[in-house]
Amino acid sequence: MHISEGVLSGPVLAGGAVLALGGLTRGLRELKADDLPRAALLAAVFFTSSLIHIPIGPFSAHLILNGLLGLVLGWAAFPVIFVGLLLQGVLFQYGGLTVLGVNTFNMAGPATVLGLAGRSALARFGWRAAPICALAAGGGAVLASGLLSALSLGLSSDEFAAAAAAFGLAHLPVAALEALVTLFAVQFLRQVRPGLLGRAD
């Protein structure tokens, strides 16, 4: 899901940076002192899972877990994903610094939207909505992130149109796997820490 340095056009990089900055600002405002241990743990999970790459044709894919981050953290998913991507870029040269804004928004934007929608559905309909919320957030966030990454490539140059389409399709199996992982994680949290998902019952 990382877009590398030197690929995107200037306007796309600038737009991604502005959108990411907006999300980071809101996320940091929402992040309370009591949330820091949970955010740090999820940042570590995000960082580690993204290092395990699975070859899919000419591309490689990995678990992102951004949907789960969105469900647990809401807007705070933005700074958590930003920190994870920053460390990956500095330590392992995944992505890079100039594309940090675009990559952050592409992963954190869908995570936040679908995560907040899932939390809202849980608050309204109770735990019977948990499977649908988990599957939608886990799989949907990956699909939306793949589409945003493909769009970023497509907007940068017409030469990337075919690669962008293949890039998006490559994440279909990852989305299915992420949906299942998120479902299991939500069911586990329901048993041990339901408050993490906005419910205490």
N, C-alpha and C. Protein backbone atom coordinates (compact mmCIF):
# COMPACT_ATOMS: atom_id res chain seq x y z
N MET A 1 0.82 -1.21 0.00
CA MET A 1 0.00 0.00 0.00
C MET A 1 0.86 1.26 0.00
N HIS A 2 2.16 1.11 0.31
CA HIS A 2 3.04 2.28 0.30
C HIS A 2 3.31 2.73 -1.13
N ILE A 3 3.17 4.01 -1.38
CA ILE A 3 3.59 4.58 -2.66
C ILE A 3 5.00 5.12 -2.46
N SER A 4 5.89 4.81 -3.37
CA SER A 4 7.30 5.15 -3.20
C SER A 4 7.59 6.60 -3.59
N GLU A 5 8.77 7.03 -3.21
CA GLU A 5 9.25 8.37 -3.56
C GLU A 5 9.40 8.50 -5.08
N GLY A 6 9.25 9.74 -5.57
CA GLY A 6 9.53 10.03 -6.95
C GLY A 6 8.50 9.54 -7.94
N VAL A 7 7.33 9.12 -7.47
CA VAL A 7 6.30 8.59 -8.36
C VAL A 7 5.16 9.58 -8.56
N LEU A 8 4.73 10.22 -7.50
CA LEU A 8 3.56 11.09 -7.56
C LEU A 8 3.93 12.50 -8.00
N SER A 9 2.95 13.18 -8.59
CA SER A 9 3.15 14.55 -9.05
C SER A 9 3.09 15.52 -7.87
N GLY A 10 3.59 16.73 -8.09
CA GLY A 10 3.60 17.75 -7.06
C GLY A 10 2.22 18.08 -6.51
N PRO A 11 1.21 18.32 -7.37
CA PRO A 11 -0.12 18.63 -6.84
C PRO A 11 -0.72 17.50 -6.00
N VAL A 12 -0.49 16.25 -6.39
CA VAL A 12 -1.01 15.12 -5.60
C VAL A 12 -0.31 15.06 -4.25
N LEU A 13 1.00 15.27 -4.24
CA LEU A 13 1.74 15.28 -2.98
C LEU A 13 1.26 16.40 -2.06
N ALA A 14 1.04 17.57 -2.63
CA ALA A 14 0.59 18.72 -1.84
C ALA A 14 -0.82 18.48 -1.30
N GLY A 15 -1.71 17.97 -2.15
CA GLY A 15 -3.07 17.69 -1.70
C GLY A 15 -3.10 16.65 -0.60
N GLY A 16 -2.32 15.60 -0.75
CA GLY A 16 -2.27 14.57 0.28
C GLY A 16 -1.72 15.11 1.59
N ALA A 17 -0.71 15.97 1.51
CA ALA A 17 -0.13 16.56 2.72
C ALA A 17 -1.15 17.41 3.47
N VAL A 18 -1.92 18.20 2.72
CA VAL A 18 -2.93 19.07 3.35
C VAL A 18 -4.02 18.23 4.02
N LEU A 19 -4.50 17.20 3.32
CA LEU A 19 -5.54 16.35 3.88
C LEU A 19 -5.03 15.59 5.12
N ALA A 20 -3.79 15.10 5.03
CA ALA A 20 -3.22 14.40 6.17
C ALA A 20 -3.04 15.33 7.36
N LEU A 21 -2.61 16.55 7.11
CA LEU A 21 -2.43 17.52 8.19
C LEU A 21 -3.75 17.81 8.89
N GLY A 22 -4.82 17.92 8.10
CA GLY A 22 -6.13 18.14 8.70
C GLY A 22 -6.54 16.97 9.60
N GLY A 23 -6.33 15.76 9.11
CA GLY A 23 -6.66 14.59 9.90
C GLY A 23 -5.80 14.47 11.15
N LEU A 24 -4.50 14.79 11.02
CA LEU A 24 -3.60 14.74 12.16
C LEU A 24 -4.01 15.75 13.23
N THR A 25 -4.37 16.94 12.80
CA THR A 25 -4.78 17.98 13.74
C THR A 25 -6.00 17.53 14.54
N ARG A 26 -7.00 17.00 13.82
CA ARG A 26 -8.21 16.53 14.51
C ARG A 26 -7.88 15.32 15.39
N GLY A 27 -7.06 14.42 14.88
CA GLY A 27 -6.72 13.22 15.64
C GLY A 27 -5.98 13.53 16.92
N LEU A 28 -5.04 14.47 16.88
CA LEU A 28 -4.29 14.84 18.08
C LEU A 28 -5.20 15.52 19.10
N ARG A 29 -6.18 16.27 18.63
CA ARG A 29 -7.13 16.89 19.55
C ARG A 29 -7.99 15.84 20.25
N GLU A 30 -8.33 14.78 19.53
CA GLU A 30 -9.17 13.72 20.09
C GLU A 30 -8.39 12.77 20.99
N LEU A 31 -7.07 12.74 20.84
CA LEU A 31 -6.23 11.79 21.58
C LEU A 31 -5.98 12.31 22.99
N LYS A 32 -6.53 11.62 23.98
CA LYS A 32 -6.38 12.00 25.38
C LYS A 32 -5.22 11.24 26.01
N ALA A 33 -4.78 11.73 27.16
CA ALA A 33 -3.65 11.10 27.85
C ALA A 33 -3.95 9.64 28.17
N ASP A 34 -5.18 9.34 28.55
CA ASP A 34 -5.54 7.95 28.89
C ASP A 34 -5.51 7.04 27.68
N ASP A 35 -5.58 7.63 26.48
CA ASP A 35 -5.60 6.83 25.25
C ASP A 35 -4.20 6.47 24.75
N LEU A 36 -3.17 7.09 25.32
CA LEU A 36 -1.82 6.92 24.78
C LEU A 36 -1.32 5.47 24.83
N PRO A 37 -1.50 4.74 25.94
CA PRO A 37 -1.04 3.34 25.93
C PRO A 37 -1.71 2.50 24.84
N ARG A 38 -3.02 2.68 24.69
CA ARG A 38 -3.75 1.94 23.65
C ARG A 38 -3.27 2.35 22.27
N ALA A 39 -3.07 3.64 22.06
CA ALA A 39 -2.60 4.12 20.76
C ALA A 39 -1.21 3.60 20.46
N ALA A 40 -0.33 3.58 21.46
CA ALA A 40 1.02 3.08 21.27
C ALA A 40 1.01 1.59 20.92
N LEU A 41 0.17 0.82 21.59
CA LEU A 41 0.07 -0.62 21.30
C LEU A 41 -0.40 -0.86 19.87
N LEU A 42 -1.42 -0.11 19.45
CA LEU A 42 -1.95 -0.29 18.10
C LEU A 42 -0.96 0.22 17.05
N ALA A 43 -0.19 1.24 17.39
CA ALA A 43 0.85 1.71 16.47
C ALA A 43 1.89 0.61 16.26
N ALA A 44 2.23 -0.10 17.33
CA ALA A 44 3.19 -1.20 17.22
C ALA A 44 2.63 -2.34 16.37
N VAL A 45 1.33 -2.63 16.55
CA VAL A 45 0.68 -3.68 15.75
C VAL A 45 0.66 -3.29 14.28
N PHE A 46 0.30 -2.04 14.01
CA PHE A 46 0.27 -1.54 12.63
C PHE A 46 1.66 -1.60 12.01
N PHE A 47 2.67 -1.14 12.75
CA PHE A 47 4.05 -1.12 12.25
C PHE A 47 4.53 -2.53 11.93
N THR A 48 4.27 -3.46 12.84
CA THR A 48 4.77 -4.83 12.67
C THR A 48 4.05 -5.57 11.55
N SER A 49 2.73 -5.45 11.50
CA SER A 49 1.96 -6.18 10.48
C SER A 49 2.31 -5.71 9.08
N SER A 50 2.67 -4.45 8.94
CA SER A 50 3.00 -3.91 7.62
C SER A 50 4.36 -4.37 7.11
N LEU A 51 5.14 -5.00 7.98
CA LEU A 51 6.46 -5.47 7.56
C LEU A 51 6.43 -6.87 6.96
N ILE A 52 5.30 -7.57 7.09
CA ILE A 52 5.18 -8.93 6.57
C ILE A 52 4.52 -8.86 5.20
N HIS A 53 5.31 -8.99 4.15
CA HIS A 53 4.83 -8.81 2.78
C HIS A 53 4.55 -10.16 2.12
N ILE A 54 3.43 -10.21 1.38
CA ILE A 54 3.02 -11.40 0.66
C ILE A 54 3.03 -11.07 -0.84
N PRO A 55 3.82 -11.77 -1.66
CA PRO A 55 3.85 -11.49 -3.11
C PRO A 55 2.50 -11.80 -3.77
N ILE A 56 2.00 -10.85 -4.56
CA ILE A 56 0.78 -11.06 -5.35
C ILE A 56 1.09 -10.56 -6.76
N GLY A 57 1.48 -11.48 -7.64
CA GLY A 57 1.86 -11.09 -8.99
C GLY A 57 3.05 -10.15 -8.95
N PRO A 58 2.98 -9.02 -9.67
CA PRO A 58 4.11 -8.09 -9.69
C PRO A 58 4.16 -7.19 -8.45
N PHE A 59 3.14 -7.30 -7.59
CA PHE A 59 3.08 -6.45 -6.40
C PHE A 59 3.29 -7.30 -5.16
N SER A 60 3.35 -6.65 -4.03
CA SER A 60 3.34 -7.35 -2.75
C SER A 60 2.31 -6.66 -1.87
N ALA A 61 1.68 -7.42 -1.01
CA ALA A 61 0.66 -6.88 -0.13
C ALA A 61 0.95 -7.32 1.30
N HIS A 62 0.32 -6.65 2.23
CA HIS A 62 0.52 -6.98 3.64
C HIS A 62 -0.71 -6.56 4.43
N LEU A 63 -0.86 -7.13 5.60
CA LEU A 63 -1.94 -6.70 6.48
C LEU A 63 -1.72 -5.24 6.86
N ILE A 64 -2.79 -4.48 6.90
CA ILE A 64 -2.71 -3.07 7.26
C ILE A 64 -3.38 -2.83 8.61
N LEU A 65 -4.54 -3.45 8.80
CA LEU A 65 -5.31 -3.34 10.04
C LEU A 65 -5.79 -1.92 10.30
N ASN A 66 -5.88 -1.11 9.24
CA ASN A 66 -6.34 0.26 9.45
C ASN A 66 -7.81 0.32 9.84
N GLY A 67 -8.62 -0.64 9.36
CA GLY A 67 -10.02 -0.67 9.76
C GLY A 67 -10.18 -0.91 11.24
N LEU A 68 -9.38 -1.81 11.79
CA LEU A 68 -9.41 -2.08 13.23
C LEU A 68 -8.97 -0.85 14.01
N LEU A 69 -7.93 -0.17 13.52
CA LEU A 69 -7.49 1.06 14.19
C LEU A 69 -8.59 2.10 14.21
N GLY A 70 -9.31 2.22 13.09
CA GLY A 70 -10.40 3.18 13.03
C GLY A 70 -11.52 2.85 14.01
N LEU A 71 -11.84 1.56 14.14
CA LEU A 71 -12.89 1.14 15.08
C LEU A 71 -12.51 1.45 16.52
N VAL A 72 -11.25 1.22 16.86
CA VAL A 72 -10.82 1.39 18.25
C VAL A 72 -10.48 2.84 18.56
N LEU A 73 -9.87 3.55 17.61
CA LEU A 73 -9.32 4.87 17.90
C LEU A 73 -10.10 6.04 17.30
N GLY A 74 -10.91 5.80 16.28
CA GLY A 74 -11.59 6.92 15.62
C GLY A 74 -10.59 7.84 14.96
N TRP A 75 -10.71 9.14 15.21
CA TRP A 75 -9.82 10.13 14.59
C TRP A 75 -8.37 9.93 15.00
N ALA A 76 -8.14 9.34 16.16
CA ALA A 76 -6.77 9.13 16.62
C ALA A 76 -6.02 8.13 15.74
N ALA A 77 -6.72 7.46 14.83
CA ALA A 77 -6.03 6.57 13.88
C ALA A 77 -5.07 7.37 13.00
N PHE A 78 -5.36 8.63 12.76
CA PHE A 78 -4.48 9.45 11.92
C PHE A 78 -3.07 9.57 12.50
N PRO A 79 -2.90 10.05 13.74
CA PRO A 79 -1.53 10.15 14.26
C PRO A 79 -0.86 8.79 14.44
N VAL A 80 -1.63 7.75 14.76
CA VAL A 80 -1.05 6.41 14.94
C VAL A 80 -0.50 5.90 13.61
N ILE A 81 -1.27 6.02 12.55
CA ILE A 81 -0.82 5.56 11.24
C ILE A 81 0.33 6.43 10.73
N PHE A 82 0.26 7.72 11.00
CA PHE A 82 1.35 8.62 10.60
C PHE A 82 2.67 8.20 11.24
N VAL A 83 2.66 7.93 12.53
CA VAL A 83 3.88 7.53 13.23
C VAL A 83 4.41 6.21 12.68
N GLY A 84 3.50 5.25 12.45
CA GLY A 84 3.91 3.97 11.90
C GLY A 84 4.56 4.12 10.53
N LEU A 85 3.97 4.93 9.67
CA LEU A 85 4.52 5.14 8.33
C LEU A 85 5.84 5.91 8.37
N LEU A 86 5.93 6.87 9.29
CA LEU A 86 7.17 7.64 9.43
C LEU A 86 8.33 6.72 9.83
N LEU A 87 8.09 5.85 10.80
CA LEU A 87 9.13 4.92 11.24
C LEU A 87 9.50 3.93 10.13
N GLN A 88 8.51 3.46 9.40
CA GLN A 88 8.80 2.53 8.29
C GLN A 88 9.62 3.22 7.21
N GLY A 89 9.29 4.48 6.94
CA GLY A 89 10.04 5.21 5.92
C GLY A 89 11.47 5.48 6.33
N VAL A 90 11.67 5.86 7.59
CA VAL A 90 13.01 6.20 8.08
C VAL A 90 13.86 4.95 8.28
N LEU A 91 13.26 3.90 8.85
CA LEU A 91 14.04 2.72 9.22
C LEU A 91 14.20 1.71 8.08
N PHE A 92 13.17 1.58 7.24
CA PHE A 92 13.19 0.52 6.22
C PHE A 92 12.99 1.02 4.80
N GLN A 93 12.87 2.33 4.63
CA GLN A 93 12.67 2.93 3.31
C GLN A 93 11.41 2.43 2.62
N TYR A 94 10.37 2.10 3.41
CA TYR A 94 9.06 1.80 2.84
C TYR A 94 8.33 3.12 2.65
N GLY A 95 7.91 3.39 1.43
CA GLY A 95 7.28 4.67 1.16
C GLY A 95 8.35 5.74 1.11
N GLY A 96 8.27 6.72 1.98
CA GLY A 96 9.26 7.79 2.00
C GLY A 96 8.67 9.01 2.68
N LEU A 97 9.50 10.04 2.81
CA LEU A 97 9.07 11.24 3.53
C LEU A 97 8.22 12.15 2.66
N THR A 98 8.55 12.30 1.37
CA THR A 98 7.76 13.20 0.53
C THR A 98 6.35 12.67 0.29
N VAL A 99 6.18 11.35 0.33
CA VAL A 99 4.85 10.75 0.11
C VAL A 99 4.15 10.41 1.42
N LEU A 100 4.72 10.86 2.53
CA LEU A 100 4.16 10.51 3.84
C LEU A 100 2.74 11.03 4.00
N GLY A 101 2.49 12.24 3.51
CA GLY A 101 1.14 12.81 3.63
C GLY A 101 0.12 12.01 2.84
N VAL A 102 0.45 11.68 1.59
CA VAL A 102 -0.47 10.92 0.74
C VAL A 102 -0.72 9.54 1.33
N ASN A 103 0.35 8.85 1.71
CA ASN A 103 0.20 7.51 2.27
C ASN A 103 -0.60 7.53 3.58
N THR A 104 -0.37 8.56 4.40
CA THR A 104 -1.11 8.67 5.65
C THR A 104 -2.60 8.85 5.38
N PHE A 105 -2.93 9.77 4.50
CA PHE A 105 -4.35 10.01 4.22
C PHE A 105 -5.00 8.81 3.57
N ASN A 106 -4.30 8.18 2.63
CA ASN A 106 -4.88 7.03 1.94
C ASN A 106 -5.22 5.89 2.90
N MET A 107 -4.45 5.72 3.95
CA MET A 107 -4.71 4.65 4.90
C MET A 107 -5.59 5.09 6.07
N ALA A 108 -5.35 6.30 6.57
CA ALA A 108 -6.06 6.75 7.76
C ALA A 108 -7.44 7.32 7.44
N GLY A 109 -7.60 7.92 6.26
CA GLY A 109 -8.90 8.50 5.91
C GLY A 109 -10.02 7.47 5.93
N PRO A 110 -9.91 6.39 5.13
CA PRO A 110 -10.95 5.36 5.15
C PRO A 110 -11.09 4.70 6.52
N ALA A 111 -9.97 4.50 7.22
CA ALA A 111 -10.02 3.88 8.54
C ALA A 111 -10.88 4.71 9.49
N THR A 112 -10.69 6.02 9.45
CA THR A 112 -11.43 6.90 10.35
C THR A 112 -12.92 6.93 10.00
N VAL A 113 -13.23 7.10 8.73
CA VAL A 113 -14.63 7.18 8.31
C VAL A 113 -15.38 5.90 8.64
N LEU A 114 -14.82 4.76 8.24
CA LEU A 114 -15.50 3.49 8.47
C LEU A 114 -15.47 3.09 9.94
N GLY A 115 -14.40 3.45 10.64
CA GLY A 115 -14.33 3.17 12.07
C GLY A 115 -15.38 3.93 12.86
N LEU A 116 -15.51 5.22 12.57
CA LEU A 116 -16.52 6.02 13.26
C LEU A 116 -17.94 5.55 12.92
N ALA A 117 -18.13 5.16 11.66
CA ALA A 117 -19.45 4.63 11.27
C ALA A 117 -19.74 3.33 12.01
N GLY A 118 -18.73 2.48 12.16
CA GLY A 118 -18.92 1.23 12.89
C GLY A 118 -19.22 1.46 14.35
N ARG A 119 -18.52 2.39 14.98
CA ARG A 119 -18.77 2.70 16.38
C ARG A 119 -20.17 3.27 16.57
N SER A 120 -20.59 4.10 15.62
CA SER A 120 -21.94 4.66 15.68
C SER A 120 -23.00 3.56 15.56
N ALA A 121 -22.76 2.60 14.66
CA ALA A 121 -23.71 1.50 14.49
C ALA A 121 -23.77 0.62 15.74
N LEU A 122 -22.61 0.39 16.37
CA LEU A 122 -22.59 -0.39 17.60
C LEU A 122 -23.37 0.32 18.71
N ALA A 123 -23.19 1.64 18.79
CA ALA A 123 -23.90 2.40 19.81
C ALA A 123 -25.41 2.37 19.58
N ARG A 124 -25.81 2.32 18.33
CA ARG A 124 -27.24 2.38 18.01
C ARG A 124 -27.91 1.01 18.06
N PHE A 125 -27.24 -0.01 17.51
CA PHE A 125 -27.87 -1.32 17.36
C PHE A 125 -27.34 -2.39 18.31
N GLY A 126 -26.28 -2.08 19.04
CA GLY A 126 -25.74 -3.04 19.99
C GLY A 126 -24.82 -4.05 19.32
N TRP A 127 -24.47 -5.08 20.09
CA TRP A 127 -23.48 -6.05 19.62
C TRP A 127 -23.96 -6.91 18.47
N ARG A 128 -25.26 -6.94 18.21
CA ARG A 128 -25.72 -7.73 17.06
C ARG A 128 -25.20 -7.17 15.75
N ALA A 129 -24.79 -5.89 15.78
CA ALA A 129 -24.24 -5.26 14.57
C ALA A 129 -22.74 -5.46 14.47
N ALA A 130 -22.12 -6.06 15.49
CA ALA A 130 -20.66 -6.17 15.52
C ALA A 130 -20.07 -6.90 14.31
N PRO A 131 -20.62 -8.05 13.89
CA PRO A 131 -20.01 -8.73 12.73
C PRO A 131 -20.01 -7.88 11.46
N ILE A 132 -21.14 -7.22 11.20
CA ILE A 132 -21.23 -6.38 10.00
C ILE A 132 -20.27 -5.20 10.10
N CYS A 133 -20.22 -4.58 11.28
CA CYS A 133 -19.31 -3.44 11.46
C CYS A 133 -17.86 -3.85 11.27
N ALA A 134 -17.49 -5.00 11.83
CA ALA A 134 -16.11 -5.47 11.73
C ALA A 134 -15.74 -5.79 10.30
N LEU A 135 -16.61 -6.53 9.61
CA LEU A 135 -16.31 -6.91 8.23
C LEU A 135 -16.25 -5.67 7.33
N ALA A 136 -17.18 -4.74 7.53
CA ALA A 136 -17.22 -3.53 6.70
C ALA A 136 -16.00 -2.65 6.95
N ALA A 137 -15.64 -2.47 8.22
CA ALA A 137 -14.49 -1.62 8.54
C ALA A 137 -13.19 -2.28 8.11
N GLY A 138 -13.03 -3.57 8.42
CA GLY A 138 -11.78 -4.26 8.09
C GLY A 138 -11.54 -4.37 6.60
N GLY A 139 -12.53 -4.90 5.88
CA GLY A 139 -12.38 -5.06 4.44
C GLY A 139 -12.55 -3.76 3.69
N GLY A 140 -13.52 -2.95 4.10
CA GLY A 140 -13.80 -1.70 3.41
C GLY A 140 -12.67 -0.71 3.48
N ALA A 141 -12.00 -0.63 4.63
CA ALA A 141 -10.90 0.32 4.77
C ALA A 141 -9.75 -0.03 3.82
N VAL A 142 -9.47 -1.32 3.69
CA VAL A 142 -8.40 -1.73 2.78
C VAL A 142 -8.77 -1.46 1.33
N LEU A 143 -10.00 -1.79 0.96
CA LEU A 143 -10.44 -1.52 -0.41
C LEU A 143 -10.38 -0.03 -0.72
N ALA A 144 -10.89 0.79 0.20
CA ALA A 144 -10.90 2.23 -0.02
C ALA A 144 -9.47 2.78 -0.07
N SER A 145 -8.59 2.25 0.78
CA SER A 145 -7.19 2.69 0.76
C SER A 145 -6.52 2.31 -0.56
N GLY A 146 -6.82 1.10 -1.05
CA GLY A 146 -6.28 0.68 -2.34
C GLY A 146 -6.77 1.57 -3.47
N LEU A 147 -8.05 1.93 -3.42
CA LEU A 147 -8.61 2.80 -4.46
C LEU A 147 -8.00 4.20 -4.40
N LEU A 148 -7.81 4.72 -3.18
CA LEU A 148 -7.19 6.04 -3.05
C LEU A 148 -5.74 6.03 -3.53
N SER A 149 -5.03 4.94 -3.25
CA SER A 149 -3.65 4.83 -3.73
C SER A 149 -3.62 4.75 -5.25
N ALA A 150 -4.55 3.96 -5.81
CA ALA A 150 -4.64 3.87 -7.27
C ALA A 150 -4.99 5.22 -7.88
N LEU A 151 -5.91 5.94 -7.22
CA LEU A 151 -6.29 7.27 -7.70
C LEU A 151 -5.11 8.23 -7.64
N SER A 152 -4.32 8.14 -6.59
CA SER A 152 -3.13 8.99 -6.47
C SER A 152 -2.17 8.75 -7.62
N LEU A 153 -1.99 7.48 -7.97
CA LEU A 153 -1.12 7.15 -9.11
C LEU A 153 -1.72 7.65 -10.42
N GLY A 154 -3.02 7.40 -10.60
CA GLY A 154 -3.68 7.80 -11.84
C GLY A 154 -3.70 9.29 -12.06
N LEU A 155 -3.86 10.06 -10.96
CA LEU A 155 -3.88 11.52 -11.08
C LEU A 155 -2.49 12.09 -11.35
N SER A 156 -1.47 11.32 -11.00
CA SER A 156 -0.09 11.81 -11.19
C SER A 156 0.36 11.71 -12.64
N SER A 157 -0.08 10.65 -13.34
CA SER A 157 0.33 10.48 -14.73
C SER A 157 -0.56 9.45 -15.40
N ASP A 158 -0.90 9.71 -16.67
CA ASP A 158 -1.69 8.74 -17.44
C ASP A 158 -0.92 7.43 -17.64
N GLU A 159 0.39 7.50 -17.55
CA GLU A 159 1.21 6.31 -17.73
C GLU A 159 1.00 5.29 -16.61
N PHE A 160 0.47 5.76 -15.47
CA PHE A 160 0.26 4.87 -14.34
C PHE A 160 -1.14 4.27 -14.32
N ALA A 161 -1.96 4.55 -15.34
CA ALA A 161 -3.35 4.11 -15.32
C ALA A 161 -3.49 2.60 -15.18
N ALA A 162 -2.75 1.86 -16.02
CA ALA A 162 -2.82 0.40 -15.97
C ALA A 162 -2.28 -0.14 -14.65
N ALA A 163 -1.16 0.44 -14.21
CA ALA A 163 -0.56 0.01 -12.94
C ALA A 163 -1.49 0.33 -11.77
N ALA A 164 -2.18 1.47 -11.85
CA ALA A 164 -3.10 1.85 -10.78
C ALA A 164 -4.25 0.86 -10.66
N ALA A 165 -4.79 0.44 -11.81
CA ALA A 165 -5.88 -0.53 -11.79
C ALA A 165 -5.42 -1.86 -11.20
N ALA A 166 -4.24 -2.31 -11.62
CA ALA A 166 -3.70 -3.57 -11.09
C ALA A 166 -3.40 -3.45 -9.61
N PHE A 167 -2.95 -2.28 -9.19
CA PHE A 167 -2.64 -2.04 -7.78
C PHE A 167 -3.89 -2.18 -6.93
N GLY A 168 -4.98 -1.60 -7.42
CA GLY A 168 -6.23 -1.70 -6.67
C GLY A 168 -6.75 -3.13 -6.61
N LEU A 169 -6.69 -3.85 -7.73
CA LEU A 169 -7.18 -5.24 -7.76
C LEU A 169 -6.35 -6.16 -6.89
N ALA A 170 -5.07 -5.86 -6.77
CA ALA A 170 -4.18 -6.71 -5.97
C ALA A 170 -4.59 -6.74 -4.51
N HIS A 171 -5.34 -5.74 -4.06
CA HIS A 171 -5.71 -5.68 -2.64
C HIS A 171 -7.06 -6.33 -2.34
N LEU A 172 -7.70 -6.91 -3.35
CA LEU A 172 -8.97 -7.61 -3.09
C LEU A 172 -8.78 -8.78 -2.13
N PRO A 173 -7.81 -9.67 -2.35
CA PRO A 173 -7.64 -10.77 -1.39
C PRO A 173 -7.20 -10.28 -0.02
N VAL A 174 -6.42 -9.20 0.02
CA VAL A 174 -6.00 -8.65 1.31
C VAL A 174 -7.20 -8.11 2.07
N ALA A 175 -8.13 -7.47 1.34
CA ALA A 175 -9.34 -6.94 1.97
C ALA A 175 -10.16 -8.05 2.60
N ALA A 176 -10.28 -9.18 1.91
CA ALA A 176 -11.03 -10.31 2.46
C ALA A 176 -10.37 -10.83 3.73
N LEU A 177 -9.05 -10.95 3.71
CA LEU A 177 -8.32 -11.42 4.90
C LEU A 177 -8.44 -10.43 6.05
N GLU A 178 -8.32 -9.13 5.72
CA GLU A 178 -8.43 -8.10 6.75
C GLU A 178 -9.82 -8.10 7.38
N ALA A 179 -10.84 -8.34 6.58
CA ALA A 179 -12.20 -8.39 7.12
C ALA A 179 -12.32 -9.49 8.16
N LEU A 180 -11.76 -10.66 7.87
CA LEU A 180 -11.83 -11.78 8.81
C LEU A 180 -11.00 -11.50 10.06
N VAL A 181 -9.80 -10.96 9.89
CA VAL A 181 -8.96 -10.65 11.05
C VAL A 181 -9.65 -9.62 11.95
N THR A 182 -10.25 -8.60 11.34
CA THR A 182 -10.94 -7.58 12.12
C THR A 182 -12.16 -8.17 12.83
N LEU A 183 -12.86 -9.08 12.17
CA LEU A 183 -14.01 -9.73 12.80
C LEU A 183 -13.58 -10.48 14.05
N PHE A 184 -12.51 -11.27 13.95
CA PHE A 184 -12.03 -12.02 15.11
C PHE A 184 -11.56 -11.08 16.22
N ALA A 185 -10.90 -9.98 15.82
CA ALA A 185 -10.40 -9.03 16.82
C ALA A 185 -11.56 -8.35 17.55
N VAL A 186 -12.60 -7.98 16.82
CA VAL A 186 -13.75 -7.33 17.44
C VAL A 186 -14.48 -8.29 18.38
N GLN A 187 -14.63 -9.54 17.96
CA GLN A 187 -15.28 -10.52 18.82
C GLN A 187 -14.46 -10.75 20.09
N PHE A 188 -13.14 -10.73 19.97
CA PHE A 188 -12.28 -10.87 21.15
C PHE A 188 -12.43 -9.67 22.07
N LEU A 189 -12.39 -8.46 21.49
CA LEU A 189 -12.53 -7.25 22.30
C LEU A 189 -13.89 -7.18 22.97
N ARG A 190 -14.90 -7.72 22.32
CA ARG A 190 -16.24 -7.75 22.91
C ARG A 190 -16.22 -8.53 24.23
N GLN A 191 -15.41 -9.56 24.28
CA GLN A 191 -15.36 -10.39 25.48
C GLN A 191 -14.49 -9.78 26.58
N VAL A 192 -13.36 -9.16 26.18
CA VAL A 192 -12.40 -8.73 27.20
C VAL A 192 -12.40 -7.22 27.48
N ARG A 193 -12.61 -6.40 26.45
CA ARG A 193 -12.59 -4.94 26.65
C ARG A 193 -13.61 -4.27 25.75
N PRO A 194 -14.90 -4.48 26.00
CA PRO A 194 -15.92 -3.87 25.12
C PRO A 194 -15.88 -2.35 25.09
N GLY A 195 -15.34 -1.75 26.14
CA GLY A 195 -15.26 -0.28 26.18
C GLY A 195 -14.37 0.29 25.10
N LEU A 196 -13.44 -0.50 24.58
CA LEU A 196 -12.55 -0.01 23.52
C LEU A 196 -13.30 0.30 22.25
N LEU A 197 -14.47 -0.31 22.09
CA LEU A 197 -15.28 -0.09 20.90
C LEU A 197 -16.46 0.83 21.18
N GLY A 198 -16.38 1.53 22.29
CA GLY A 198 -17.42 2.49 22.60
C GLY A 198 -18.61 1.92 23.34
N ARG A 199 -18.49 0.65 23.79
CA ARG A 199 -19.57 0.03 24.52
C ARG A 199 -19.02 -0.61 25.79
N ALA A 200 -19.78 -0.55 26.83
CA ALA A 200 -19.33 -1.11 28.12
C ALA A 200 -20.13 -2.35 28.52
N ASP A 201 -21.11 -2.76 27.68
CA ASP A 201 -21.94 -3.90 28.05
C ASP A 201 -21.45 -5.16 27.36
